[in-house]
C-alpha atoms as a PDB file:
ATOM      1  CA  MET A   1     142.049  76.415  41.487  1.00  0.00           C
ATOM      2  CA  HIS A   2     144.426  74.420  40.321  1.00  0.00           C
ATOM      3  CA  GLU A   3     142.277  71.890  38.484  1.00  0.00           C
ATOM      4  CA  GLY A   4     144.575  72.539  35.560  1.00  0.00           C
ATOM      5  CA  LEU A   5     147.240  70.068  36.699  1.00  0.00           C
ATOM      6  CA  HIS A   6     145.258  66.859  36.241  1.00  0.00           C
ATOM      7  CA  LEU A   7     144.582  68.178  32.682  1.00  0.00           C
ATOM      8  CA  PRO A   8     146.618  66.430  29.790  1.00  0.00           C
ATOM      9  CA  LEU A   9     149.312  68.749  28.857  1.00  0.00           C
ATOM     10  CA  ILE A  10     150.753  69.085  24.936  1.00  0.00           C
ATOM     11  CA  VAL A  11     154.629  69.688  24.972  1.00  0.00           C
ATOM     12  CA  GLY A  12     156.436  69.634  21.718  1.00  0.00           C
ATOM     13  CA  LYS A  13     155.220  65.840  20.337  1.00  0.00           C
ATOM     14  CA  TYR A  14     154.263  64.630  23.705  1.00  0.00           C
ATOM     15  CA  LEU A  15     151.352  64.223  25.242  1.00  0.00           C
ATOM     16  CA  ILE A  16     151.842  64.280  29.258  1.00  0.00           C
ATOM     17  CA  SER A  17     148.918  63.174  31.550  1.00  0.00           C
ATOM     18  CA  PRO A  18     148.897  63.218  35.348  1.00  0.00           C
ATOM     19  CA  LEU A  19     147.361  60.727  37.075  1.00  0.00           C
ATOM     20  CA  THR A  20     145.946  60.213  40.903  1.00  0.00           C
ATOM     21  CA  GLN A  21     144.363  57.601  42.544  1.00  0.00           C
ATOM     22  CA  VAL A  22     143.397  57.823  46.191  1.00  0.00           C
ATOM     23  CA  LEU A  23     144.597  54.707  48.675  1.00  0.00           C
ATOM     24  CA  HIS A  24     142.504  52.967  50.824  1.00  0.00           C
ATOM     25  CA  ASN A  25     144.678  54.653  53.383  1.00  0.00           C
ATOM     26  CA  GLY A  26     143.677  58.478  52.253  1.00  0.00           C
ATOM     27  CA  TRP A  27     146.853  58.971  50.492  1.00  0.00           C
ATOM     28  CA  PHE A  28     147.092  59.630  46.843  1.00  0.00           C
ATOM     29  CA  ALA A  29     149.467  57.680  44.554  1.00  0.00           C
ATOM     30  CA  SER A  30     150.188  59.272  40.996  1.00  0.00           C
ATOM     31  CA  SER A  31     151.211  58.124  37.916  1.00  0.00           C
ATOM     32  CA  VAL A  32     152.025  59.524  34.367  1.00  0.00           C
ATOM     33  CA  SER A  33     151.619  58.783  30.882  1.00  0.00           C
ATOM     34  CA  ILE A  34     153.449  59.872  28.309  1.00  0.00           C
ATOM     35  CA  ARG A  35     152.473  59.963  24.946  1.00  0.00           C
ATOM     36  CA  SER A  36     154.377  60.809  21.893  1.00  0.00           C
ATOM     37  CA  ASP A  37     153.195  61.500  18.028  1.00  0.00           C
ATOM     38  CA  GLY A  38     155.253  59.562  15.604  1.00  0.00           C
ATOM     39  CA  GLU A  39     156.034  56.378  17.594  1.00  0.00           C
ATOM     40  CA  ALA A  40     154.437  53.150  15.672  1.00  0.00           C
ATOM     41  CA  GLU A  41     153.107  50.601  18.661  1.00  0.00           C
ATOM     42  CA  GLY A  42     153.833  51.188  22.211  1.00  0.00           C
ATOM     43  CA  GLY A  43     153.921  55.014  21.664  1.00  0.00           C
ATOM     44  CA  GLU A  44     152.937  55.512  25.327  1.00  0.00           C
ATOM     45  CA  ARG A  45     154.640  55.377  28.539  1.00  0.00           C
ATOM     46  CA  VAL A  46     153.191  55.181  31.897  1.00  0.00           C
ATOM     47  CA  LEU A  47     155.710  55.517  34.844  1.00  0.00           C
ATOM     48  CA  ARG A  48     154.077  54.567  38.097  1.00  0.00           C
ATOM     49  CA  LEU A  49     155.170  56.935  40.678  1.00  0.00           C
ATOM     50  CA  THR A  50     156.289  55.504  44.295  1.00  0.00           C
ATOM     51  CA  ARG A  51     155.781  58.973  46.721  1.00  0.00           C
ATOM     52  CA  LEU A  52     152.490  58.943  48.266  1.00  0.00           C
ATOM     53  CA  PHE A  53     150.757  62.386  48.866  1.00  0.00           C
ATOM     54  CA  ARG A  54     148.175  63.753  51.184  1.00  0.00           C
ATOM     55  CA  ASP A  55     146.925  66.066  48.284  1.00  0.00           C
ATOM     56  CA  PRO A  56     145.125  65.022  44.946  1.00  0.00           C
ATOM     57  CA  LEU A  57     146.773  68.812  43.669  1.00  0.00           C
ATOM     58  CA  ALA A  58     150.273  68.030  45.237  1.00  0.00           C
ATOM     59  CA  ALA A  59     150.377  64.079  43.178  1.00  0.00           C
ATOM     60  CA  ALA A  60     148.828  65.508  40.233  1.00  0.00           C
ATOM     61  CA  ARG A  61     151.764  68.721  40.194  1.00  0.00           C
ATOM     62  CA  TYR A  62     154.561  65.981  40.797  1.00  0.00           C
ATOM     63  CA  ALA A  63     153.547  63.413  37.936  1.00  0.00           C
ATOM     64  CA  ARG A  64     153.212  66.056  35.557  1.00  0.00           C
ATOM     65  CA  ASP A  65     156.795  67.507  36.613  1.00  0.00           C
ATOM     66  CA  GLU A  66     158.181  63.916  36.258  1.00  0.00           C
ATOM     67  CA  GLY A  67     156.475  63.483  33.071  1.00  0.00           C
ATOM     68  CA  LEU A  68     158.362  66.694  31.993  1.00  0.00           C
ATOM     69  CA  GLN A  69     161.444  65.806  33.193  1.00  0.00           C
ATOM     70  CA  TRP A  70     161.334  62.245  31.564  1.00  0.00           C
ATOM     71  CA  ILE A  71     160.875  64.118  28.288  1.00  0.00           C
ATOM     72  CA  GLY A  72     163.700  66.701  28.398  1.00  0.00           C
ATOM     73  CA  ALA A  73     161.416  69.504  28.984  1.00  0.00           C
ATOM     74  CA  PRO A  74     161.766  72.462  31.879  1.00  0.00           C
ATOM     75  CA  ARG A  75     159.373  72.631  34.763  1.00  0.00           C
ATOM     76  CA  PHE A  76     158.486  75.714  34.002  1.00  0.00           C
ATOM     77  CA  ALA A  77     156.995  74.596  30.379  1.00  0.00           C
ATOM     78  CA  ALA A  78     153.387  74.160  32.125  1.00  0.00           C
ATOM     79  CA  ALA A  79     152.513  77.123  34.007  1.00  0.00           C
ATOM     80  CA  THR A  80     150.019  76.417  37.077  1.00  0.00           C
END
């Protein structure tokens, strides 16, 4: 099982939190929260992603990978 894909991931000074939501039509939307230590107020960014998925794990994986890309970390930094 890949339930860990929904867990927050610490990469350097960043906390990457994949988020998924089931839509009324049964598809899944994803977003990712990126928090940074050392930033003043407003140290959290939430990216709302536009791709939709049939599988919540695929949505979480996409959100995690987008968060890692946003901070400039390689995708393999989060082993699945």
